[in-house]
Amino acid sequence: MCLASLMPAVAQDYRGGLLYDIKGPVKEFKLKTQFKACQKKVKFTRDGMVKNNMFAYDNEGLPTGMSINFGNKYSVLSIQWEEGPKVSEITLNENFYRPVVVTYTPEYSEDGLLKSYRWDRTETTKEGDVKEWVLMEYSAPVYDEHGNWIRRHVSASGEVDGKYGTSEFDEERVIRYYTE
């Protein structure tokens, strides 16, 4: 996987934006959300590849994952796709501090829009496995002229650090597009 992440895909057009539920000639987007750790700015090349990343892409231009290896420490991200194409599962497996596996599983509406995603995290400790989960459900999206959501409502629930909680908030994306 390490070597694959350094080799370019055969595709002329990349579809890295699909990882972020975004389409079209996007130059960059900035996500504003309640969770500071999730606020991000992502940039794309003109041909649709995520800038400054180490993703491997398949022959159809879809990102398939990446890996980082520092001797006996590693991080491997794998991305599975289903018809559409839509992400069916993203798995992160790493052992920088302790062995951790995080799985992101999206759910789509009948018209193919992202309806929710759930992440499950398992960390292996000397005392045993510590499991956490979060479910993010999306509603009331507002779309721009390219069909990308720029505002949506989020209902979050989950169990983290042994405590169950819920939260409601709105997310916004500021999207800049390439012009011809």
N, C-alpha and C. Protein backbone atom coordinates (compact mmCIF):
# COMPACT_ATOMS: atom_id res chain seq x y z
N MET A 1 0.83 -1.20 0.00
CA MET A 1 0.00 0.00 0.00
C MET A 1 0.87 1.25 0.00
N CYS A 2 2.03 1.23 0.66
CA CYS A 2 2.88 2.43 0.68
C CYS A 2 3.30 2.83 -0.72
N LEU A 3 3.74 1.86 -1.51
CA LEU A 3 4.17 2.18 -2.87
C LEU A 3 3.00 2.64 -3.71
N ALA A 4 1.83 2.02 -3.52
CA ALA A 4 0.66 2.41 -4.30
C ALA A 4 0.29 3.86 -4.05
N SER A 5 0.50 4.34 -2.84
CA SER A 5 0.11 5.71 -2.54
C SER A 5 1.02 6.72 -3.23
N LEU A 6 2.16 6.27 -3.72
CA LEU A 6 3.06 7.17 -4.41
C LEU A 6 2.88 7.16 -5.93
N MET A 7 2.11 6.19 -6.42
CA MET A 7 1.92 6.06 -7.86
C MET A 7 0.65 6.77 -8.29
N PRO A 8 0.69 7.52 -9.39
CA PRO A 8 -0.52 8.19 -9.86
C PRO A 8 -1.49 7.20 -10.48
N ALA A 9 -2.76 7.51 -10.42
CA ALA A 9 -3.77 6.68 -11.07
C ALA A 9 -3.73 6.93 -12.57
N VAL A 10 -4.33 6.05 -13.32
CA VAL A 10 -4.38 6.16 -14.76
C VAL A 10 -5.45 7.17 -15.19
N ALA A 11 -6.42 7.43 -14.32
CA ALA A 11 -7.55 8.29 -14.68
C ALA A 11 -7.11 9.71 -15.01
N GLN A 12 -7.84 10.34 -15.93
CA GLN A 12 -7.59 11.73 -16.28
C GLN A 12 -8.24 12.66 -15.25
N ASP A 13 -9.40 12.26 -14.74
CA ASP A 13 -10.14 13.06 -13.77
C ASP A 13 -10.24 12.31 -12.46
N TYR A 14 -9.95 12.99 -11.38
CA TYR A 14 -10.01 12.38 -10.06
C TYR A 14 -11.29 12.81 -9.37
N ARG A 15 -11.77 11.99 -8.45
CA ARG A 15 -13.02 12.29 -7.78
C ARG A 15 -12.83 12.31 -6.27
N GLY A 16 -11.79 13.00 -5.83
CA GLY A 16 -11.50 13.12 -4.41
C GLY A 16 -12.60 13.83 -3.65
N GLY A 17 -13.35 14.69 -4.30
CA GLY A 17 -14.44 15.42 -3.65
C GLY A 17 -15.53 14.51 -3.13
N LEU A 18 -15.68 13.33 -3.73
CA LEU A 18 -16.71 12.40 -3.27
C LEU A 18 -16.48 11.96 -1.83
N LEU A 19 -15.24 12.01 -1.36
CA LEU A 19 -14.96 11.70 0.04
C LEU A 19 -15.63 12.71 0.97
N TYR A 20 -15.86 13.90 0.48
CA TYR A 20 -16.40 14.98 1.29
C TYR A 20 -17.83 15.33 0.88
N ASP A 21 -18.51 14.41 0.16
CA ASP A 21 -19.89 14.63 -0.27
C ASP A 21 -19.99 15.93 -1.06
N ILE A 22 -19.07 16.08 -2.03
CA ILE A 22 -18.99 17.31 -2.81
C ILE A 22 -18.73 16.95 -4.27
N LYS A 23 -19.25 17.75 -5.19
CA LYS A 23 -19.06 17.45 -6.61
C LYS A 23 -18.87 18.75 -7.39
N GLY A 24 -18.39 18.59 -8.62
CA GLY A 24 -18.19 19.74 -9.48
C GLY A 24 -16.77 20.27 -9.42
N PRO A 25 -16.52 21.41 -10.10
CA PRO A 25 -15.17 21.96 -10.19
C PRO A 25 -14.77 22.74 -8.92
N VAL A 26 -14.73 22.04 -7.80
CA VAL A 26 -14.45 22.68 -6.51
C VAL A 26 -12.96 22.98 -6.38
N LYS A 27 -12.66 24.21 -6.03
CA LYS A 27 -11.28 24.64 -5.78
C LYS A 27 -10.92 24.38 -4.32
N GLU A 28 -11.85 24.71 -3.41
CA GLU A 28 -11.64 24.47 -1.99
C GLU A 28 -12.96 24.62 -1.26
N PHE A 29 -13.00 24.04 -0.08
CA PHE A 29 -14.14 24.29 0.80
C PHE A 29 -13.64 24.36 2.23
N LYS A 30 -14.41 25.09 3.03
CA LYS A 30 -14.11 25.22 4.45
C LYS A 30 -15.35 24.80 5.21
N LEU A 31 -15.19 23.84 6.12
CA LEU A 31 -16.29 23.34 6.93
C LEU A 31 -16.30 24.05 8.27
N LYS A 32 -17.47 24.60 8.63
CA LYS A 32 -17.65 25.23 9.93
C LYS A 32 -18.65 24.37 10.69
N THR A 33 -18.21 23.83 11.83
CA THR A 33 -19.03 22.93 12.62
C THR A 33 -18.78 23.15 14.10
N GLN A 34 -19.64 22.61 14.92
CA GLN A 34 -19.52 22.75 16.37
C GLN A 34 -18.24 22.10 16.90
N PHE A 35 -17.82 21.01 16.27
CA PHE A 35 -16.64 20.28 16.73
C PHE A 35 -15.38 20.90 16.13
N LYS A 36 -14.62 21.59 16.93
CA LYS A 36 -13.42 22.29 16.45
C LYS A 36 -12.47 21.36 15.72
N ALA A 37 -12.33 20.11 16.21
CA ALA A 37 -11.41 19.16 15.59
C ALA A 37 -11.85 18.79 14.17
N CYS A 38 -13.13 18.97 13.87
CA CYS A 38 -13.66 18.61 12.54
C CYS A 38 -13.68 19.79 11.57
N GLN A 39 -13.41 21.00 12.07
CA GLN A 39 -13.38 22.14 11.16
C GLN A 39 -12.16 21.99 10.27
N LYS A 40 -12.39 22.11 8.97
CA LYS A 40 -11.29 21.88 8.06
C LYS A 40 -11.44 22.70 6.79
N LYS A 41 -10.31 22.87 6.13
CA LYS A 41 -10.27 23.49 4.82
C LYS A 41 -9.60 22.48 3.90
N VAL A 42 -10.27 22.14 2.82
CA VAL A 42 -9.73 21.15 1.89
C VAL A 42 -9.63 21.80 0.52
N LYS A 43 -8.48 21.61 -0.13
CA LYS A 43 -8.23 22.17 -1.46
C LYS A 43 -8.11 21.05 -2.48
N PHE A 44 -8.53 21.36 -3.72
CA PHE A 44 -8.49 20.39 -4.80
C PHE A 44 -7.73 20.96 -5.99
N THR A 45 -7.09 20.06 -6.75
CA THR A 45 -6.47 20.46 -8.01
C THR A 45 -7.58 20.63 -9.05
N ARG A 46 -7.25 21.23 -10.17
CA ARG A 46 -8.24 21.44 -11.22
C ARG A 46 -8.84 20.12 -11.72
N ASP A 47 -8.06 19.04 -11.66
CA ASP A 47 -8.56 17.75 -12.15
C ASP A 47 -9.25 16.92 -11.07
N GLY A 48 -9.49 17.51 -9.88
CA GLY A 48 -10.29 16.84 -8.86
C GLY A 48 -9.55 16.04 -7.82
N MET A 49 -8.22 16.13 -7.79
CA MET A 49 -7.45 15.42 -6.78
C MET A 49 -7.34 16.29 -5.53
N VAL A 50 -7.43 15.67 -4.37
CA VAL A 50 -7.26 16.40 -3.12
C VAL A 50 -5.81 16.86 -3.05
N LYS A 51 -5.58 18.17 -2.83
CA LYS A 51 -4.22 18.70 -2.76
C LYS A 51 -3.53 18.27 -1.47
N ASN A 52 -2.23 18.17 -1.54
CA ASN A 52 -1.38 17.90 -0.37
C ASN A 52 -1.83 16.67 0.41
N ASN A 53 -2.06 15.59 -0.30
CA ASN A 53 -2.43 14.35 0.37
C ASN A 53 -1.58 13.22 -0.15
N MET A 54 -1.73 12.08 0.47
CA MET A 54 -0.99 10.89 0.06
C MET A 54 -1.96 9.80 -0.37
N PHE A 55 -3.16 10.17 -0.82
CA PHE A 55 -4.14 9.17 -1.25
C PHE A 55 -3.65 8.41 -2.46
N ALA A 56 -3.95 7.13 -2.48
CA ALA A 56 -3.82 6.34 -3.70
C ALA A 56 -5.16 6.43 -4.41
N TYR A 57 -5.15 6.46 -5.73
CA TYR A 57 -6.37 6.54 -6.53
C TYR A 57 -6.43 5.32 -7.45
N ASP A 58 -7.63 4.83 -7.70
CA ASP A 58 -7.77 3.71 -8.62
C ASP A 58 -7.87 4.22 -10.06
N ASN A 59 -8.05 3.31 -11.01
CA ASN A 59 -8.10 3.67 -12.43
C ASN A 59 -9.31 4.52 -12.79
N GLU A 60 -10.32 4.56 -11.92
CA GLU A 60 -11.50 5.39 -12.17
C GLU A 60 -11.40 6.75 -11.48
N GLY A 61 -10.25 7.03 -10.85
CA GLY A 61 -10.03 8.30 -10.19
C GLY A 61 -10.59 8.40 -8.78
N LEU A 62 -10.99 7.27 -8.20
CA LEU A 62 -11.53 7.27 -6.83
C LEU A 62 -10.41 7.05 -5.83
N PRO A 63 -10.36 7.82 -4.74
CA PRO A 63 -9.35 7.58 -3.71
C PRO A 63 -9.62 6.24 -3.03
N THR A 64 -8.57 5.45 -2.85
CA THR A 64 -8.73 4.11 -2.25
C THR A 64 -8.10 4.00 -0.87
N GLY A 65 -7.29 4.99 -0.48
CA GLY A 65 -6.69 4.97 0.84
C GLY A 65 -5.29 5.51 0.84
N MET A 66 -4.62 5.31 1.95
CA MET A 66 -3.23 5.72 2.10
C MET A 66 -2.63 4.96 3.27
N SER A 67 -1.32 4.94 3.33
CA SER A 67 -0.65 4.32 4.47
C SER A 67 0.60 5.09 4.81
N ILE A 68 0.90 5.08 6.10
CA ILE A 68 2.11 5.71 6.63
C ILE A 68 2.76 4.67 7.52
N ASN A 69 4.06 4.47 7.34
CA ASN A 69 4.76 3.45 8.11
C ASN A 69 6.07 4.03 8.63
N PHE A 70 6.22 4.01 9.96
CA PHE A 70 7.45 4.46 10.61
C PHE A 70 8.00 3.30 11.42
N GLY A 71 8.65 2.36 10.75
CA GLY A 71 9.17 1.18 11.45
C GLY A 71 8.02 0.32 11.95
N ASN A 72 7.92 0.18 13.26
CA ASN A 72 6.84 -0.65 13.81
C ASN A 72 5.58 0.16 14.12
N LYS A 73 5.54 1.43 13.78
CA LYS A 73 4.36 2.28 13.94
C LYS A 73 3.74 2.51 12.57
N TYR A 74 2.42 2.41 12.49
CA TYR A 74 1.78 2.54 11.19
C TYR A 74 0.38 3.15 11.31
N SER A 75 -0.09 3.65 10.18
CA SER A 75 -1.46 4.13 10.04
C SER A 75 -1.90 3.78 8.63
N VAL A 76 -3.01 3.05 8.51
CA VAL A 76 -3.52 2.63 7.22
C VAL A 76 -4.98 3.06 7.11
N LEU A 77 -5.29 3.80 6.08
CA LEU A 77 -6.65 4.25 5.81
C LEU A 77 -7.11 3.56 4.54
N SER A 78 -8.24 2.85 4.60
CA SER A 78 -8.77 2.21 3.39
C SER A 78 -10.19 2.70 3.15
N ILE A 79 -10.53 2.87 1.87
CA ILE A 79 -11.82 3.41 1.47
C ILE A 79 -12.48 2.42 0.53
N GLN A 80 -13.70 2.02 0.87
CA GLN A 80 -14.48 1.11 0.03
C GLN A 80 -15.59 1.90 -0.64
N TRP A 81 -15.87 1.58 -1.90
CA TRP A 81 -16.87 2.30 -2.70
C TRP A 81 -17.98 1.35 -3.11
N GLU A 82 -19.19 1.89 -3.28
CA GLU A 82 -20.31 1.14 -3.83
C GLU A 82 -20.82 1.87 -5.06
N GLU A 83 -21.79 1.28 -5.73
CA GLU A 83 -22.37 1.86 -6.94
C GLU A 83 -22.77 3.31 -6.72
N GLY A 84 -22.49 4.15 -7.66
CA GLY A 84 -22.90 5.55 -7.55
C GLY A 84 -21.92 6.53 -8.18
N PRO A 85 -20.66 6.58 -7.84
CA PRO A 85 -20.04 5.89 -6.70
C PRO A 85 -20.29 6.65 -5.40
N LYS A 86 -20.42 5.88 -4.33
CA LYS A 86 -20.60 6.43 -2.99
C LYS A 86 -19.69 5.65 -2.04
N VAL A 87 -19.19 6.33 -1.04
CA VAL A 87 -18.37 5.66 -0.04
C VAL A 87 -19.25 4.67 0.72
N SER A 88 -18.80 3.43 0.83
CA SER A 88 -19.56 2.45 1.62
C SER A 88 -18.92 2.25 3.00
N GLU A 89 -17.60 2.47 3.10
CA GLU A 89 -16.94 2.33 4.40
C GLU A 89 -15.53 2.91 4.33
N ILE A 90 -15.13 3.56 5.41
CA ILE A 90 -13.76 4.04 5.56
C ILE A 90 -13.23 3.45 6.85
N THR A 91 -12.06 2.82 6.78
CA THR A 91 -11.47 2.20 7.97
C THR A 91 -10.08 2.76 8.19
N LEU A 92 -9.82 3.17 9.43
CA LEU A 92 -8.50 3.63 9.84
C LEU A 92 -7.97 2.63 10.86
N ASN A 93 -6.79 2.11 10.61
CA ASN A 93 -6.17 1.12 11.50
C ASN A 93 -4.77 1.65 11.80
N GLU A 94 -4.49 1.92 13.08
CA GLU A 94 -3.17 2.47 13.42
C GLU A 94 -2.70 1.98 14.77
N ASN A 95 -1.42 2.14 15.01
CA ASN A 95 -0.84 1.74 16.30
C ASN A 95 0.21 2.72 16.78
N PHE A 96 0.00 4.02 16.59
CA PHE A 96 0.99 5.00 17.02
C PHE A 96 1.16 5.00 18.54
N TYR A 97 0.08 4.97 19.28
CA TYR A 97 0.15 4.93 20.74
C TYR A 97 -0.34 3.59 21.26
N ARG A 98 -1.54 3.22 20.83
CA ARG A 98 -2.13 1.92 21.13
C ARG A 98 -2.84 1.48 19.85
N PRO A 99 -3.06 0.18 19.69
CA PRO A 99 -3.82 -0.25 18.51
C PRO A 99 -5.23 0.34 18.52
N VAL A 100 -5.60 1.00 17.41
CA VAL A 100 -6.91 1.65 17.28
C VAL A 100 -7.47 1.32 15.89
N VAL A 101 -8.76 0.99 15.86
CA VAL A 101 -9.46 0.81 14.59
C VAL A 101 -10.69 1.71 14.63
N VAL A 102 -10.83 2.56 13.61
CA VAL A 102 -11.98 3.44 13.50
C VAL A 102 -12.66 3.14 12.17
N THR A 103 -13.97 2.90 12.21
CA THR A 103 -14.73 2.62 10.99
C THR A 103 -15.83 3.65 10.84
N TYR A 104 -15.88 4.28 9.67
CA TYR A 104 -16.93 5.24 9.31
C TYR A 104 -17.86 4.55 8.33
N THR A 105 -19.15 4.51 8.65
CA THR A 105 -20.13 3.86 7.77
C THR A 105 -21.24 4.84 7.44
N PRO A 106 -21.32 5.29 6.18
CA PRO A 106 -22.37 6.23 5.79
C PRO A 106 -23.67 5.51 5.43
N GLU A 107 -24.77 6.24 5.49
CA GLU A 107 -26.06 5.75 5.00
C GLU A 107 -26.61 6.83 4.08
N TYR A 108 -27.19 6.39 2.96
CA TYR A 108 -27.68 7.31 1.95
C TYR A 108 -29.21 7.22 1.82
N SER A 109 -29.81 8.34 1.42
CA SER A 109 -31.25 8.36 1.16
C SER A 109 -31.52 7.66 -0.17
N GLU A 110 -32.79 7.44 -0.49
CA GLU A 110 -33.15 6.78 -1.75
C GLU A 110 -32.66 7.56 -2.96
N ASP A 111 -32.54 8.89 -2.84
CA ASP A 111 -32.04 9.69 -3.97
C ASP A 111 -30.53 9.86 -3.96
N GLY A 112 -29.83 9.08 -3.12
CA GLY A 112 -28.37 9.05 -3.14
C GLY A 112 -27.67 10.10 -2.31
N LEU A 113 -28.41 10.87 -1.51
CA LEU A 113 -27.79 11.91 -0.68
C LEU A 113 -27.35 11.33 0.66
N LEU A 114 -26.28 11.86 1.22
CA LEU A 114 -25.78 11.40 2.51
C LEU A 114 -26.81 11.73 3.58
N LYS A 115 -27.31 10.71 4.24
CA LYS A 115 -28.35 10.85 5.27
C LYS A 115 -27.74 10.83 6.67
N SER A 116 -26.74 9.99 6.86
CA SER A 116 -26.10 9.88 8.17
C SER A 116 -24.79 9.14 8.02
N TYR A 117 -23.98 9.21 9.06
CA TYR A 117 -22.85 8.30 9.14
C TYR A 117 -22.61 7.97 10.61
N ARG A 118 -22.04 6.81 10.79
CA ARG A 118 -21.73 6.33 12.13
C ARG A 118 -20.24 6.00 12.14
N TRP A 119 -19.58 6.41 13.22
CA TRP A 119 -18.21 5.95 13.38
C TRP A 119 -18.12 5.13 14.65
N ASP A 120 -17.40 4.04 14.53
CA ASP A 120 -17.14 3.13 15.64
C ASP A 120 -15.64 3.09 15.84
N ARG A 121 -15.23 3.23 17.09
CA ARG A 121 -13.80 3.26 17.42
C ARG A 121 -13.52 2.21 18.49
N THR A 122 -12.51 1.39 18.24
CA THR A 122 -12.08 0.40 19.22
C THR A 122 -10.59 0.61 19.48
N GLU A 123 -10.26 0.82 20.73
CA GLU A 123 -8.87 0.99 21.15
C GLU A 123 -8.50 -0.17 22.07
N THR A 124 -7.41 -0.83 21.76
CA THR A 124 -6.96 -1.96 22.56
C THR A 124 -6.02 -1.46 23.64
N THR A 125 -6.38 -1.74 24.91
CA THR A 125 -5.54 -1.37 26.05
C THR A 125 -5.19 -2.63 26.83
N LYS A 126 -4.34 -2.48 27.83
CA LYS A 126 -3.98 -3.63 28.67
C LYS A 126 -5.19 -4.18 29.40
N GLU A 127 -6.14 -3.29 29.70
CA GLU A 127 -7.35 -3.69 30.43
C GLU A 127 -8.39 -4.32 29.52
N GLY A 128 -8.23 -4.21 28.22
CA GLY A 128 -9.21 -4.73 27.26
C GLY A 128 -9.57 -3.69 26.23
N ASP A 129 -10.53 -4.01 25.39
CA ASP A 129 -10.96 -3.10 24.33
C ASP A 129 -11.87 -2.01 24.87
N VAL A 130 -11.62 -0.77 24.44
CA VAL A 130 -12.47 0.36 24.77
C VAL A 130 -13.21 0.72 23.49
N LYS A 131 -14.55 0.67 23.53
CA LYS A 131 -15.35 0.93 22.34
C LYS A 131 -16.14 2.22 22.51
N GLU A 132 -16.18 3.02 21.43
CA GLU A 132 -16.95 4.26 21.39
C GLU A 132 -17.67 4.31 20.05
N TRP A 133 -18.76 5.07 20.01
CA TRP A 133 -19.48 5.24 18.75
C TRP A 133 -20.16 6.60 18.72
N VAL A 134 -20.37 7.11 17.50
CA VAL A 134 -21.09 8.36 17.30
C VAL A 134 -21.93 8.20 16.03
N LEU A 135 -23.18 8.65 16.08
CA LEU A 135 -24.07 8.65 14.92
C LEU A 135 -24.41 10.10 14.60
N MET A 136 -24.12 10.52 13.38
CA MET A 136 -24.42 11.88 12.90
C MET A 136 -25.52 11.75 11.85
N GLU A 137 -26.68 12.38 12.13
CA GLU A 137 -27.80 12.35 11.19
C GLU A 137 -28.01 13.76 10.64
N TYR A 138 -28.18 13.85 9.31
CA TYR A 138 -28.26 15.14 8.64
C TYR A 138 -29.68 15.40 8.12
N SER A 139 -30.12 16.67 8.23
CA SER A 139 -31.44 17.06 7.72
C SER A 139 -31.41 18.53 7.30
N ALA A 140 -32.48 18.95 6.64
CA ALA A 140 -32.69 20.33 6.21
C ALA A 140 -31.50 20.93 5.45
N PRO A 141 -30.99 20.21 4.44
CA PRO A 141 -29.86 20.78 3.69
C PRO A 141 -30.29 21.95 2.81
N VAL A 142 -29.38 22.91 2.67
CA VAL A 142 -29.53 24.02 1.74
C VAL A 142 -28.42 23.85 0.71
N TYR A 143 -28.77 23.93 -0.58
CA TYR A 143 -27.82 23.65 -1.64
C TYR A 143 -27.44 24.91 -2.41
N ASP A 144 -26.22 24.89 -2.98
CA ASP A 144 -25.80 25.98 -3.87
C ASP A 144 -26.20 25.64 -5.30
N GLU A 145 -25.82 26.48 -6.24
CA GLU A 145 -26.20 26.28 -7.64
C GLU A 145 -25.53 25.07 -8.28
N HIS A 146 -24.52 24.49 -7.63
CA HIS A 146 -23.83 23.30 -8.15
C HIS A 146 -24.39 22.01 -7.54
N GLY A 147 -25.35 22.14 -6.64
CA GLY A 147 -25.94 20.96 -6.00
C GLY A 147 -25.19 20.46 -4.78
N ASN A 148 -24.28 21.27 -4.24
CA ASN A 148 -23.54 20.90 -3.03
C ASN A 148 -24.19 21.57 -1.82
N TRP A 149 -24.30 20.85 -0.72
CA TRP A 149 -24.90 21.46 0.46
C TRP A 149 -23.95 22.52 1.02
N ILE A 150 -24.54 23.62 1.48
CA ILE A 150 -23.75 24.68 2.09
C ILE A 150 -24.19 24.92 3.54
N ARG A 151 -25.32 24.32 3.92
CA ARG A 151 -25.80 24.39 5.29
C ARG A 151 -26.68 23.17 5.53
N ARG A 152 -26.56 22.57 6.73
CA ARG A 152 -27.41 21.45 7.10
C ARG A 152 -27.50 21.35 8.61
N HIS A 153 -28.56 20.70 9.07
CA HIS A 153 -28.76 20.47 10.50
C HIS A 153 -28.18 19.10 10.85
N VAL A 154 -27.57 19.01 12.02
CA VAL A 154 -26.96 17.76 12.47
C VAL A 154 -27.54 17.36 13.82
N SER A 155 -27.97 16.11 13.90
CA SER A 155 -28.38 15.51 15.18
C SER A 155 -27.34 14.45 15.49
N ALA A 156 -26.59 14.65 16.56
CA ALA A 156 -25.52 13.72 16.91
C ALA A 156 -25.86 13.00 18.20
N SER A 157 -25.52 11.73 18.26
CA SER A 157 -25.68 10.95 19.48
C SER A 157 -24.52 9.97 19.54
N GLY A 158 -24.22 9.51 20.73
CA GLY A 158 -23.14 8.54 20.83
C GLY A 158 -22.69 8.27 22.24
N GLU A 159 -21.75 7.34 22.33
CA GLU A 159 -21.16 6.98 23.60
C GLU A 159 -19.65 7.14 23.49
N VAL A 160 -19.13 8.11 24.24
CA VAL A 160 -17.70 8.41 24.23
C VAL A 160 -17.24 8.48 25.68
N ASP A 161 -16.10 7.88 25.98
CA ASP A 161 -15.57 7.83 27.35
C ASP A 161 -16.59 7.25 28.33
N GLY A 162 -17.37 6.27 27.86
CA GLY A 162 -18.34 5.61 28.72
C GLY A 162 -19.59 6.41 29.02
N LYS A 163 -19.76 7.56 28.37
CA LYS A 163 -20.92 8.42 28.63
C LYS A 163 -21.72 8.60 27.35
N TYR A 164 -23.06 8.47 27.46
CA TYR A 164 -23.94 8.68 26.32
C TYR A 164 -24.34 10.15 26.28
N GLY A 165 -24.41 10.72 25.07
CA GLY A 165 -24.82 12.11 24.94
C GLY A 165 -25.44 12.38 23.59
N THR A 166 -26.12 13.52 23.51
CA THR A 166 -26.72 13.96 22.25
C THR A 166 -26.41 15.44 22.05
N SER A 167 -26.49 15.88 20.82
CA SER A 167 -26.24 17.27 20.49
C SER A 167 -26.94 17.61 19.19
N GLU A 168 -27.40 18.86 19.05
CA GLU A 168 -28.03 19.36 17.83
C GLU A 168 -27.30 20.65 17.44
N PHE A 169 -26.97 20.78 16.17
CA PHE A 169 -26.30 21.99 15.71
C PHE A 169 -26.38 22.06 14.19
N ASP A 170 -25.95 23.17 13.63
CA ASP A 170 -25.89 23.36 12.18
C ASP A 170 -24.45 23.38 11.72
N GLU A 171 -24.23 22.89 10.51
CA GLU A 171 -22.92 22.95 9.87
C GLU A 171 -23.03 23.81 8.62
N GLU A 172 -21.95 24.49 8.28
CA GLU A 172 -21.90 25.30 7.06
C GLU A 172 -20.62 24.99 6.30
N ARG A 173 -20.72 25.08 4.98
CA ARG A 173 -19.54 24.97 4.12
C ARG A 173 -19.47 26.19 3.23
N VAL A 174 -18.30 26.77 3.16
CA VAL A 174 -18.02 27.83 2.20
C VAL A 174 -17.24 27.16 1.08
N ILE A 175 -17.79 27.21 -0.13
CA ILE A 175 -17.20 26.48 -1.26
C ILE A 175 -16.78 27.48 -2.33
N ARG A 176 -15.54 27.33 -2.79
CA ARG A 176 -15.04 28.13 -3.92
C ARG A 176 -14.83 27.19 -5.10
N TYR A 177 -15.23 27.64 -6.27
CA TYR A 177 -15.16 26.81 -7.49
C TYR A 177 -14.13 27.37 -8.46
N TYR A 178 -13.57 26.47 -9.27
CA TYR A 178 -12.75 26.89 -10.40
C TYR A 178 -13.67 27.47 -11.45
N THR A 179 -13.22 28.50 -12.13
CA THR A 179 -13.96 29.02 -13.27
C THR A 179 -13.20 28.61 -14.52
N GLU A 180 -13.92 28.40 -15.59
CA GLU A 180 -13.29 27.93 -16.85
C GLU A 180 -12.34 28.93 -17.40
